[in-house]
Amino acid sequence: MTDEGAEDTLASIVCMEAHRAVSEAAIRPDPARLADGWERRFIADAGRAREAVELYGELGYEVVADDVRPGDLPEGCEACQLVAALRFKSIYTRRPG
């Protein structure tokens, strides 16, 4: 890969990550989960969600992976709609007890 190709790839990754972060911030956490003491950690695809559930469980947390629901999404956010369509999960944790 040429230096120019590597720069293009890196720029693409940075752009996608920035877009993901904005999209994740736009997706509203479940108010019922928050009221019950849960903290939303992040949004992940199904494979990563399984890994996160296992890891947080090993660390002693209660953990759930809820589907991102259409009601959690702002209107007009195409990237957010894609997150729901691809069956992404919101990862929530809380300390036991």
PDB file of N, CA and C in Angstrom:
ATOM      1  N   MET A   1       0.860  -1.178   0.000  1.00  0.00           N
ATOM      2  CA  MET A   1       0.000   0.000   0.000  1.00  0.00           C
ATOM      3  C   MET A   1       0.902   1.234   0.000  1.00  0.00           C
ATOM      4  N   THR A   2       0.565   2.194  -0.815  1.00  0.00           N
ATOM      5  CA  THR A   2       1.335   3.434  -0.875  1.00  0.00           C
ATOM      6  C   THR A   2       1.007   4.303   0.330  1.00  0.00           C
ATOM      7  N   ASP A   3       1.891   5.282   0.573  1.00  0.00           N
ATOM      8  CA  ASP A   3       1.623   6.225   1.665  1.00  0.00           C
ATOM      9  C   ASP A   3       0.301   6.932   1.450  1.00  0.00           C
ATOM     10  N   GLU A   4       0.009   7.284   0.200  1.00  0.00           N
ATOM     11  CA  GLU A   4      -1.250   7.974  -0.104  1.00  0.00           C
ATOM     12  C   GLU A   4      -2.438   7.053   0.165  1.00  0.00           C
ATOM     13  N   GLY A   5      -2.313   5.788  -0.187  1.00  0.00           N
ATOM     14  CA  GLY A   5      -3.382   4.821   0.080  1.00  0.00           C
ATOM     15  C   GLY A   5      -3.601   4.629   1.564  1.00  0.00           C
ATOM     16  N   ALA A   6      -2.506   4.574   2.324  1.00  0.00           N
ATOM     17  CA  ALA A   6      -2.618   4.435   3.775  1.00  0.00           C
ATOM     18  C   ALA A   6      -3.279   5.663   4.387  1.00  0.00           C
ATOM     19  N   GLU A   7      -2.928   6.831   3.894  1.00  0.00           N
ATOM     20  CA  GLU A   7      -3.543   8.065   4.401  1.00  0.00           C
ATOM     21  C   GLU A   7      -5.033   8.083   4.099  1.00  0.00           C
ATOM     22  N   ASP A   8      -5.419   7.645   2.901  1.00  0.00           N
ATOM     23  CA  ASP A   8      -6.838   7.598   2.549  1.00  0.00           C
ATOM     24  C   ASP A   8      -7.588   6.624   3.449  1.00  0.00           C
ATOM     25  N   THR A   9      -6.975   5.473   3.710  1.00  0.00           N
ATOM     26  CA  THR A   9      -7.607   4.476   4.578  1.00  0.00           C
ATOM     27  C   THR A   9      -7.760   5.021   5.988  1.00  0.00           C
ATOM     28  N   LEU A  10      -6.702   5.634   6.512  1.00  0.00           N
ATOM     29  CA  LEU A  10      -6.757   6.203   7.853  1.00  0.00           C
ATOM     30  C   LEU A  10      -7.804   7.314   7.931  1.00  0.00           C
ATOM     31  N   ALA A  11      -7.851   8.164   6.933  1.00  0.00           N
ATOM     32  CA  ALA A  11      -8.842   9.250   6.919  1.00  0.00           C
ATOM     33  C   ALA A  11     -10.251   8.673   6.909  1.00  0.00           C
ATOM     34  N   SER A  12     -10.446   7.609   6.151  1.00  0.00           N
ATOM     35  CA  SER A  12     -11.766   6.961   6.097  1.00  0.00           C
ATOM     36  C   SER A  12     -12.149   6.394   7.458  1.00  0.00           C
ATOM     37  N   ILE A  13     -11.200   5.751   8.128  1.00  0.00           N
ATOM     38  CA  ILE A  13     -11.475   5.173   9.448  1.00  0.00           C
ATOM     39  C   ILE A  13     -11.799   6.270  10.454  1.00  0.00           C
ATOM     40  N   VAL A  14     -11.030   7.345  10.441  1.00  0.00           N
ATOM     41  CA  VAL A  14     -11.275   8.458  11.361  1.00  0.00           C
ATOM     42  C   VAL A  14     -12.649   9.062  11.111  1.00  0.00           C
ATOM     43  N   CYS A  15     -13.003   9.233   9.845  1.00  0.00           N
ATOM     44  CA  CYS A  15     -14.316   9.787   9.499  1.00  0.00           C
ATOM     45  C   CYS A  15     -15.438   8.875   9.989  1.00  0.00           C
ATOM     46  N   MET A  16     -15.300   7.567   9.766  1.00  0.00           N
ATOM     47  CA  MET A  16     -16.337   6.625  10.207  1.00  0.00           C
ATOM     48  C   MET A  16     -16.463   6.624  11.723  1.00  0.00           C
ATOM     49  N   GLU A  17     -15.332   6.676  12.426  1.00  0.00           N
ATOM     50  CA  GLU A  17     -15.365   6.667  13.889  1.00  0.00           C
ATOM     51  C   GLU A  17     -16.026   7.930  14.427  1.00  0.00           C
ATOM     52  N   ALA A  18     -15.712   9.055  13.837  1.00  0.00           N
ATOM     53  CA  ALA A  18     -16.335  10.308  14.263  1.00  0.00           C
ATOM     54  C   ALA A  18     -17.839  10.254  14.024  1.00  0.00           C
ATOM     55  N   HIS A  19     -18.243   9.716  12.886  1.00  0.00           N
ATOM     56  CA  HIS A  19     -19.672   9.603  12.569  1.00  0.00           C
ATOM     57  C   HIS A  19     -20.358   8.659  13.548  1.00  0.00           C
ATOM     58  N   ARG A  20     -19.687   7.548  13.897  1.00  0.00           N
ATOM     59  CA  ARG A  20     -20.254   6.593  14.847  1.00  0.00           C
ATOM     60  C   ARG A  20     -20.444   7.246  16.204  1.00  0.00           C
ATOM     61  N   ALA A  21     -19.468   7.998  16.640  1.00  0.00           N
ATOM     62  CA  ALA A  21     -19.551   8.648  17.948  1.00  0.00           C
ATOM     63  C   ALA A  21     -20.712   9.633  17.990  1.00  0.00           C
ATOM     64  N   VAL A  22     -20.895  10.394  16.913  1.00  0.00           N
ATOM     65  CA  VAL A  22     -22.010  11.339  16.858  1.00  0.00           C
ATOM     66  C   VAL A  22     -23.325  10.578  16.853  1.00  0.00           C
ATOM     67  N   SER A  23     -23.404   9.509  16.069  1.00  0.00           N
ATOM     68  CA  SER A  23     -24.627   8.712  16.002  1.00  0.00           C
ATOM     69  C   SER A  23     -24.946   8.095  17.353  1.00  0.00           C
ATOM     70  N   GLU A  24     -23.917   7.567  18.034  1.00  0.00           N
ATOM     71  CA  GLU A  24     -24.140   6.947  19.339  1.00  0.00           C
ATOM     72  C   GLU A  24     -24.646   7.971  20.345  1.00  0.00           C
ATOM     73  N   ALA A  25     -24.098   9.182  20.300  1.00  0.00           N
ATOM     74  CA  ALA A  25     -24.530  10.222  21.228  1.00  0.00           C
ATOM     75  C   ALA A  25     -25.974  10.633  20.953  1.00  0.00           C
ATOM     76  N   ALA A  26     -26.412  10.509  19.701  1.00  0.00           N
ATOM     77  CA  ALA A  26     -27.769  10.911  19.333  1.00  0.00           C
ATOM     78  C   ALA A  26     -28.813   9.880  19.751  1.00  0.00           C
ATOM     79  N   ILE A  27     -28.397   8.653  19.969  1.00  0.00           N
ATOM     80  CA  ILE A  27     -29.340   7.590  20.331  1.00  0.00           C
ATOM     81  C   ILE A  27     -29.619   7.671  21.831  1.00  0.00           C
ATOM     82  N   ARG A  28     -30.871   7.874  22.163  1.00  0.00           N
ATOM     83  CA  ARG A  28     -31.271   8.064  23.551  1.00  0.00           C
ATOM     84  C   ARG A  28     -31.194   6.756  24.341  1.00  0.00           C
ATOM     85  N   PRO A  29     -30.615   6.805  25.543  1.00  0.00           N
ATOM     86  CA  PRO A  29     -30.637   5.610  26.391  1.00  0.00           C
ATOM     87  C   PRO A  29     -32.052   5.366  26.920  1.00  0.00           C
ATOM     88  N   ASP A  30     -32.310   4.162  27.330  1.00  0.00           N
ATOM     89  CA  ASP A  30     -33.615   3.773  27.862  1.00  0.00           C
ATOM     90  C   ASP A  30     -33.807   4.427  29.234  1.00  0.00           C
ATOM     91  N   PRO A  31     -34.787   5.341  29.377  1.00  0.00           N
ATOM     92  CA  PRO A  31     -34.976   6.017  30.657  1.00  0.00           C
ATOM     93  C   PRO A  31     -35.326   5.065  31.795  1.00  0.00           C
ATOM     94  N   ALA A  32     -36.016   3.970  31.497  1.00  0.00           N
ATOM     95  CA  ALA A  32     -36.353   2.998  32.548  1.00  0.00           C
ATOM     96  C   ALA A  32     -35.089   2.315  33.060  1.00  0.00           C
ATOM     97  N   ARG A  33     -34.178   1.995  32.163  1.00  0.00           N
ATOM     98  CA  ARG A  33     -32.904   1.386  32.593  1.00  0.00           C
ATOM     99  C   ARG A  33     -32.131   2.361  33.482  1.00  0.00           C
ATOM    100  N   LEU A  34     -32.052   3.612  33.055  1.00  0.00           N
ATOM    101  CA  LEU A  34     -31.316   4.614  33.833  1.00  0.00           C
ATOM    102  C   LEU A  34     -31.939   4.787  35.215  1.00  0.00           C
ATOM    103  N   ALA A  35     -33.274   4.803  35.271  1.00  0.00           N
ATOM    104  CA  ALA A  35     -33.975   4.968  36.547  1.00  0.00           C
ATOM    105  C   ALA A  35     -33.714   3.791  37.489  1.00  0.00           C
ATOM    106  N   ASP A  36     -33.459   2.619  36.913  1.00  0.00           N
ATOM    107  CA  ASP A  36     -33.173   1.426  37.718  1.00  0.00           C
ATOM    108  C   ASP A  36     -31.690   1.291  38.069  1.00  0.00           C
ATOM    109  N   GLY A  37     -30.911   2.324  37.769  1.00  0.00           N
ATOM    110  CA  GLY A  37     -29.506   2.313  38.163  1.00  0.00           C
ATOM    111  C   GLY A  37     -28.535   1.779  37.134  1.00  0.00           C
ATOM    112  N   TRP A  38     -29.019   1.506  35.926  1.00  0.00           N
ATOM    113  CA  TRP A  38     -28.146   1.022  34.869  1.00  0.00           C
ATOM    114  C   TRP A  38     -27.420   2.194  34.223  1.00  0.00           C
ATOM    115  N   GLU A  39     -26.223   1.944  33.716  1.00  0.00           N
ATOM    116  CA  GLU A  39     -25.442   2.935  32.980  1.00  0.00           C
ATOM    117  C   GLU A  39     -25.209   2.401  31.572  1.00  0.00           C
ATOM    118  N   ARG A  40     -25.591   3.196  30.565  1.00  0.00           N
ATOM    119  CA  ARG A  40     -25.310   2.745  29.192  1.00  0.00           C
ATOM    120  C   ARG A  40     -23.830   2.960  28.924  1.00  0.00           C
ATOM    121  N   ARG A  41     -23.174   1.893  28.528  1.00  0.00           N
ATOM    122  CA  ARG A  41     -21.738   1.946  28.255  1.00  0.00           C
ATOM    123  C   ARG A  41     -21.457   2.334  26.803  1.00  0.00           C
ATOM    124  N   PHE A  42     -22.085   1.628  25.875  1.00  0.00           N
ATOM    125  CA  PHE A  42     -21.859   1.901  24.458  1.00  0.00           C
ATOM    126  C   PHE A  42     -22.860   1.118  23.631  1.00  0.00           C
ATOM    127  N   ILE A  43     -22.794   1.315  22.324  1.00  0.00           N
ATOM    128  CA  ILE A  43     -23.644   0.604  21.377  1.00  0.00           C
ATOM    129  C   ILE A  43     -22.736  -0.270  20.528  1.00  0.00           C
ATOM    130  N   ALA A  44     -23.140  -1.528  20.322  1.00  0.00           N
ATOM    131  CA  ALA A  44     -22.289  -2.476  19.616  1.00  0.00           C
ATOM    132  C   ALA A  44     -23.106  -3.367  18.699  1.00  0.00           C
ATOM    133  N   ASP A  45     -22.429  -3.924  17.694  1.00  0.00           N
ATOM    134  CA  ASP A  45     -23.083  -4.933  16.864  1.00  0.00           C
ATOM    135  C   ASP A  45     -23.254  -6.192  17.706  1.00  0.00           C
ATOM    136  N   ALA A  46     -24.039  -7.137  17.215  1.00  0.00           N
ATOM    137  CA  ALA A  46     -24.402  -8.312  18.009  1.00  0.00           C
ATOM    138  C   ALA A  46     -23.186  -9.104  18.486  1.00  0.00           C
ATOM    139  N   GLY A  47     -22.183  -9.282  17.631  1.00  0.00           N
ATOM    140  CA  GLY A  47     -20.988 -10.041  18.016  1.00  0.00           C
ATOM    141  C   GLY A  47     -20.229  -9.370  19.145  1.00  0.00           C
ATOM    142  N   ARG A  48     -20.021  -8.090  19.028  1.00  0.00           N
ATOM    143  CA  ARG A  48     -19.312  -7.344  20.071  1.00  0.00           C
ATOM    144  C   ARG A  48     -20.154  -7.253  21.340  1.00  0.00           C
ATOM    145  N   ALA A  49     -21.459  -7.215  21.188  1.00  0.00           N
ATOM    146  CA  ALA A  49     -22.334  -7.167  22.364  1.00  0.00           C
ATOM    147  C   ALA A  49     -22.167  -8.430  23.194  1.00  0.00           C
ATOM    148  N   ARG A  50     -22.109  -9.576  22.543  1.00  0.00           N
ATOM    149  CA  ARG A  50     -21.906 -10.838  23.276  1.00  0.00           C
ATOM    150  C   ARG A  50     -20.576 -10.813  24.038  1.00  0.00           C
ATOM    151  N   GLU A  51     -19.534 -10.320  23.376  1.00  0.00           N
ATOM    152  CA  GLU A  51     -18.232 -10.226  24.036  1.00  0.00           C
ATOM    153  C   GLU A  51     -18.298  -9.288  25.244  1.00  0.00           C
ATOM    154  N   ALA A  52     -18.973  -8.159  25.085  1.00  0.00           N
ATOM    155  CA  ALA A  52     -19.073  -7.176  26.170  1.00  0.00           C
ATOM    156  C   ALA A  52     -19.855  -7.758  27.346  1.00  0.00           C
ATOM    157  N   VAL A  53     -20.946  -8.451  27.071  1.00  0.00           N
ATOM    158  CA  VAL A  53     -21.742  -9.063  28.139  1.00  0.00           C
ATOM    159  C   VAL A  53     -20.872 -10.043  28.928  1.00  0.00           C
ATOM    160  N   GLU A  54     -20.118 -10.849  28.222  1.00  0.00           N
ATOM    161  CA  GLU A  54     -19.247 -11.818  28.882  1.00  0.00           C
ATOM    162  C   GLU A  54     -18.163 -11.113  29.705  1.00  0.00           C
ATOM    163  N   LEU A  55     -17.521 -10.125  29.124  1.00  0.00           N
ATOM    164  CA  LEU A  55     -16.440  -9.427  29.814  1.00  0.00           C
ATOM    165  C   LEU A  55     -16.935  -8.686  31.055  1.00  0.00           C
ATOM    166  N   TYR A  56     -18.004  -7.902  30.918  1.00  0.00           N
ATOM    167  CA  TYR A  56     -18.533  -7.180  32.074  1.00  0.00           C
ATOM    168  C   TYR A  56     -19.013  -8.153  33.146  1.00  0.00           C
ATOM    169  N   GLY A  57     -19.605  -9.273  32.733  1.00  0.00           N
ATOM    170  CA  GLY A  57     -20.018 -10.288  33.696  1.00  0.00           C
ATOM    171  C   GLY A  57     -18.840 -10.844  34.477  1.00  0.00           C
ATOM    172  N   GLU A  58     -17.726 -11.098  33.782  1.00  0.00           N
ATOM    173  CA  GLU A  58     -16.520 -11.598  34.444  1.00  0.00           C
ATOM    174  C   GLU A  58     -15.951 -10.566  35.414  1.00  0.00           C
ATOM    175  N   LEU A  59     -16.200  -9.292  35.151  1.00  0.00           N
ATOM    176  CA  LEU A  59     -15.730  -8.230  36.032  1.00  0.00           C
ATOM    177  C   LEU A  59     -16.665  -7.987  37.215  1.00  0.00           C
ATOM    178  N   GLY A  60     -17.753  -8.752  37.291  1.00  0.00           N
ATOM    179  CA  GLY A  60     -18.654  -8.667  38.428  1.00  0.00           C
ATOM    180  C   GLY A  60     -19.848  -7.746  38.243  1.00  0.00           C
ATOM    181  N   TYR A  61     -20.047  -7.229  37.061  1.00  0.00           N
ATOM    182  CA  TYR A  61     -21.189  -6.352  36.797  1.00  0.00           C
ATOM    183  C   TYR A  61     -22.424  -7.164  36.414  1.00  0.00           C
ATOM    184  N   GLU A  62     -23.584  -6.599  36.700  1.00  0.00           N
ATOM    185  CA  GLU A  62     -24.799  -7.040  36.035  1.00  0.00           C
ATOM    186  C   GLU A  62     -24.729  -6.373  34.665  1.00  0.00           C
ATOM    187  N   VAL A  63     -25.113  -7.078  33.635  1.00  0.00           N
ATOM    188  CA  VAL A  63     -25.000  -6.513  32.289  1.00  0.00           C
ATOM    189  C   VAL A  63     -26.143  -7.010  31.416  1.00  0.00           C
ATOM    190  N   VAL A  64     -26.661  -6.106  30.584  1.00  0.00           N
ATOM    191  CA  VAL A  64     -27.683  -6.460  29.609  1.00  0.00           C
ATOM    192  C   VAL A  64     -27.330  -5.826  28.271  1.00  0.00           C
ATOM    193  N   ALA A  65     -27.821  -6.449  27.214  1.00  0.00           N
ATOM    194  CA  ALA A  65     -27.648  -5.934  25.862  1.00  0.00           C
ATOM    195  C   ALA A  65     -29.039  -5.811  25.249  1.00  0.00           C
ATOM    196  N   ASP A  66     -29.565  -4.593  25.210  1.00  0.00           N
ATOM    197  CA  ASP A  66     -30.902  -4.340  24.677  1.00  0.00           C
ATOM    198  C   ASP A  66     -30.816  -3.931  23.207  1.00  0.00           C
ATOM    199  N   ASP A  67     -31.789  -4.391  22.416  1.00  0.00           N
ATOM    200  CA  ASP A  67     -31.869  -3.930  21.034  1.00  0.00           C
ATOM    201  C   ASP A  67     -32.037  -2.416  21.005  1.00  0.00           C
ATOM    202  N   VAL A  68     -31.384  -1.766  20.050  1.00  0.00           N
ATOM    203  CA  VAL A  68     -31.658  -0.344  19.811  1.00  0.00           C
ATOM    204  C   VAL A  68     -33.020  -0.299  19.138  1.00  0.00           C
ATOM    205  N   ARG A  69     -33.944   0.428  19.748  1.00  0.00           N
ATOM    206  CA  ARG A  69     -35.323   0.484  19.246  1.00  0.00           C
ATOM    207  C   ARG A  69     -35.533   1.756  18.433  1.00  0.00           C
ATOM    208  N   PRO A  70     -36.438   1.702  17.475  1.00  0.00           N
ATOM    209  CA  PRO A  70     -36.712   2.909  16.681  1.00  0.00           C
ATOM    210  C   PRO A  70     -37.080   4.119  17.535  1.00  0.00           C
ATOM    211  N   GLY A  71     -37.746   3.924  18.668  1.00  0.00           N
ATOM    212  CA  GLY A  71     -38.117   5.036  19.533  1.00  0.00           C
ATOM    213  C   GLY A  71     -36.926   5.703  20.208  1.00  0.00           C
ATOM    214  N   ASP A  72     -35.771   5.021  20.203  1.00  0.00           N
ATOM    215  CA  ASP A  72     -34.558   5.581  20.802  1.00  0.00           C
ATOM    216  C   ASP A  72     -33.841   6.533  19.845  1.00  0.00           C
ATOM    217  N   LEU A  73     -34.284   6.560  18.600  1.00  0.00           N
ATOM    218  CA  LEU A  73     -33.556   7.258  17.545  1.00  0.00           C
ATOM    219  C   LEU A  73     -34.160   8.620  17.228  1.00  0.00           C
ATOM    220  N   PRO A  74     -33.317   9.592  16.947  1.00  0.00           N
ATOM    221  CA  PRO A  74     -33.837  10.893  16.521  1.00  0.00           C
ATOM    222  C   PRO A  74     -34.348  10.806  15.088  1.00  0.00           C
ATOM    223  N   GLU A  75     -35.354  11.591  14.772  1.00  0.00           N
ATOM    224  CA  GLU A  75     -35.873  11.604  13.403  1.00  0.00           C
ATOM    225  C   GLU A  75     -34.841  12.195  12.462  1.00  0.00           C
ATOM    226  N   GLY A  76     -34.773  11.646  11.268  1.00  0.00           N
ATOM    227  CA  GLY A  76     -33.913  12.194  10.242  1.00  0.00           C
ATOM    228  C   GLY A  76     -32.454  11.792  10.341  1.00  0.00           C
ATOM    229  N   CYS A  77     -32.081  10.964  11.283  1.00  0.00           N
ATOM    230  CA  CYS A  77     -30.685  10.531  11.422  1.00  0.00           C
ATOM    231  C   CYS A  77     -30.526   9.213  10.668  1.00  0.00           C
ATOM    232  N   GLU A  78     -30.034   9.286   9.443  1.00  0.00           N
ATOM    233  CA  GLU A  78     -29.910   8.088   8.614  1.00  0.00           C
ATOM    234  C   GLU A  78     -28.958   7.071   9.225  1.00  0.00           C
ATOM    235  N   ALA A  79     -27.835   7.527   9.779  1.00  0.00           N
ATOM    236  CA  ALA A  79     -26.888   6.603  10.396  1.00  0.00           C
ATOM    237  C   ALA A  79     -27.529   5.913  11.595  1.00  0.00           C
ATOM    238  N   CYS A  80     -28.335   6.645  12.351  1.00  0.00           N
ATOM    239  CA  CYS A  80     -29.013   6.061  13.512  1.00  0.00           C
ATOM    240  C   CYS A  80     -29.995   4.983  13.061  1.00  0.00           C
ATOM    241  N   GLN A  81     -30.716   5.246  11.996  1.00  0.00           N
ATOM    242  CA  GLN A  81     -31.667   4.260  11.477  1.00  0.00           C
ATOM    243  C   GLN A  81     -30.929   2.992  11.045  1.00  0.00           C
ATOM    244  N   LEU A  82     -29.731   3.141  10.493  1.00  0.00           N
ATOM    245  CA  LEU A  82     -28.931   1.995  10.097  1.00  0.00           C
ATOM    246  C   LEU A  82     -28.541   1.162  11.312  1.00  0.00           C
ATOM    247  N   VAL A  83     -28.225   1.814  12.421  1.00  0.00           N
ATOM    248  CA  VAL A  83     -27.871   1.109  13.661  1.00  0.00           C
ATOM    249  C   VAL A  83     -29.020   0.196  14.079  1.00  0.00           C
ATOM    250  N   ALA A  84     -30.235   0.682  14.010  1.00  0.00           N
ATOM    251  CA  ALA A  84     -31.393  -0.133  14.380  1.00  0.00           C
ATOM    252  C   ALA A  84     -31.612  -1.254  13.374  1.00  0.00           C
ATOM    253  N   ALA A  85     -31.497  -0.939  12.098  1.00  0.00           N
ATOM    254  CA  ALA A  85     -31.733  -1.939  11.052  1.00  0.00           C
ATOM    255  C   ALA A  85     -30.728  -3.085  11.138  1.00  0.00           C
ATOM    256  N   LEU A  86     -29.520  -2.786  11.566  1.00  0.00           N
ATOM    257  CA  LEU A  86     -28.487  -3.816  11.668  1.00  0.00           C
ATOM    258  C   LEU A  86     -28.506  -4.534  13.008  1.00  0.00           C
ATOM    259  N   ARG A  87     -29.525  -4.239  13.812  1.00  0.00           N
ATOM    260  CA  ARG A  87     -29.754  -4.939  15.076  1.00  0.00           C
ATOM    261  C   ARG A  87     -28.623  -4.711  16.080  1.00  0.00           C
ATOM    262  N   PHE A  88     -28.168  -3.491  16.176  1.00  0.00           N
ATOM    263  CA  PHE A  88     -27.168  -3.143  17.176  1.00  0.00           C
ATOM    264  C   PHE A  88     -27.796  -3.205  18.568  1.00  0.00           C
ATOM    265  N   LYS A  89     -26.951  -3.284  19.569  1.00  0.00           N
ATOM    266  CA  LYS A  89     -27.392  -3.414  20.959  1.00  0.00           C
ATOM    267  C   LYS A  89     -26.824  -2.282  21.793  1.00  0.00           C
ATOM    268  N   SER A  90     -27.608  -1.830  22.764  1.00  0.00           N
ATOM    269  CA  SER A  90     -27.123  -0.906  23.789  1.00  0.00           C
ATOM    270  C   SER A  90     -26.672  -1.733  24.967  1.00  0.00           C
ATOM    271  N   ILE A  91     -25.433  -1.543  25.372  1.00  0.00           N
ATOM    272  CA  ILE A  91     -24.871  -2.298  26.494  1.00  0.00           C
ATOM    273  C   ILE A  91     -25.032  -1.461  27.764  1.00  0.00           C
ATOM    274  N   TYR A  92     -25.703  -2.042  28.752  1.00  0.00           N
ATOM    275  CA  TYR A  92     -25.916  -1.384  30.051  1.00  0.00           C
ATOM    276  C   TYR A  92     -25.273  -2.243  31.138  1.00  0.00           C
ATOM    277  N   THR A  93     -24.688  -1.574  32.126  1.00  0.00           N
ATOM    278  CA  THR A  93     -24.133  -2.286  33.276  1.00  0.00           C
ATOM    279  C   THR A  93     -24.571  -1.605  34.560  1.00  0.00           C
ATOM    280  N   ARG A  94     -24.476  -2.357  35.644  1.00  0.00           N
ATOM    281  CA  ARG A  94     -24.623  -1.779  36.983  1.00  0.00           C
ATOM    282  C   ARG A  94     -23.942  -2.732  37.959  1.00  0.00           C
ATOM    283  N   ARG A  95     -23.577  -2.168  39.074  1.00  0.00           N
ATOM    284  CA  ARG A  95     -22.962  -2.970  40.139  1.00  0.00           C
ATOM    285  C   ARG A  95     -24.044  -3.831  40.782  1.00  0.00           C
ATOM    286  N   PRO A  96     -23.715  -5.069  41.117  1.00  0.00           N
ATOM    287  CA  PRO A  96     -24.721  -5.916  41.773  1.00  0.00           C
ATOM    288  C   PRO A  96     -25.096  -5.374  43.147  1.00  0.00           C
ATOM    289  N   GLY A  97     -26.313  -5.702  43.534  1.00  0.00           N
ATOM    290  CA  GLY A  97     -26.756  -5.324  44.880  1.00  0.00           C
ATOM    291  C   GLY A  97     -27.627  -4.165  44.834  1.00  0.00           C
TER     292      GLY A  97
END
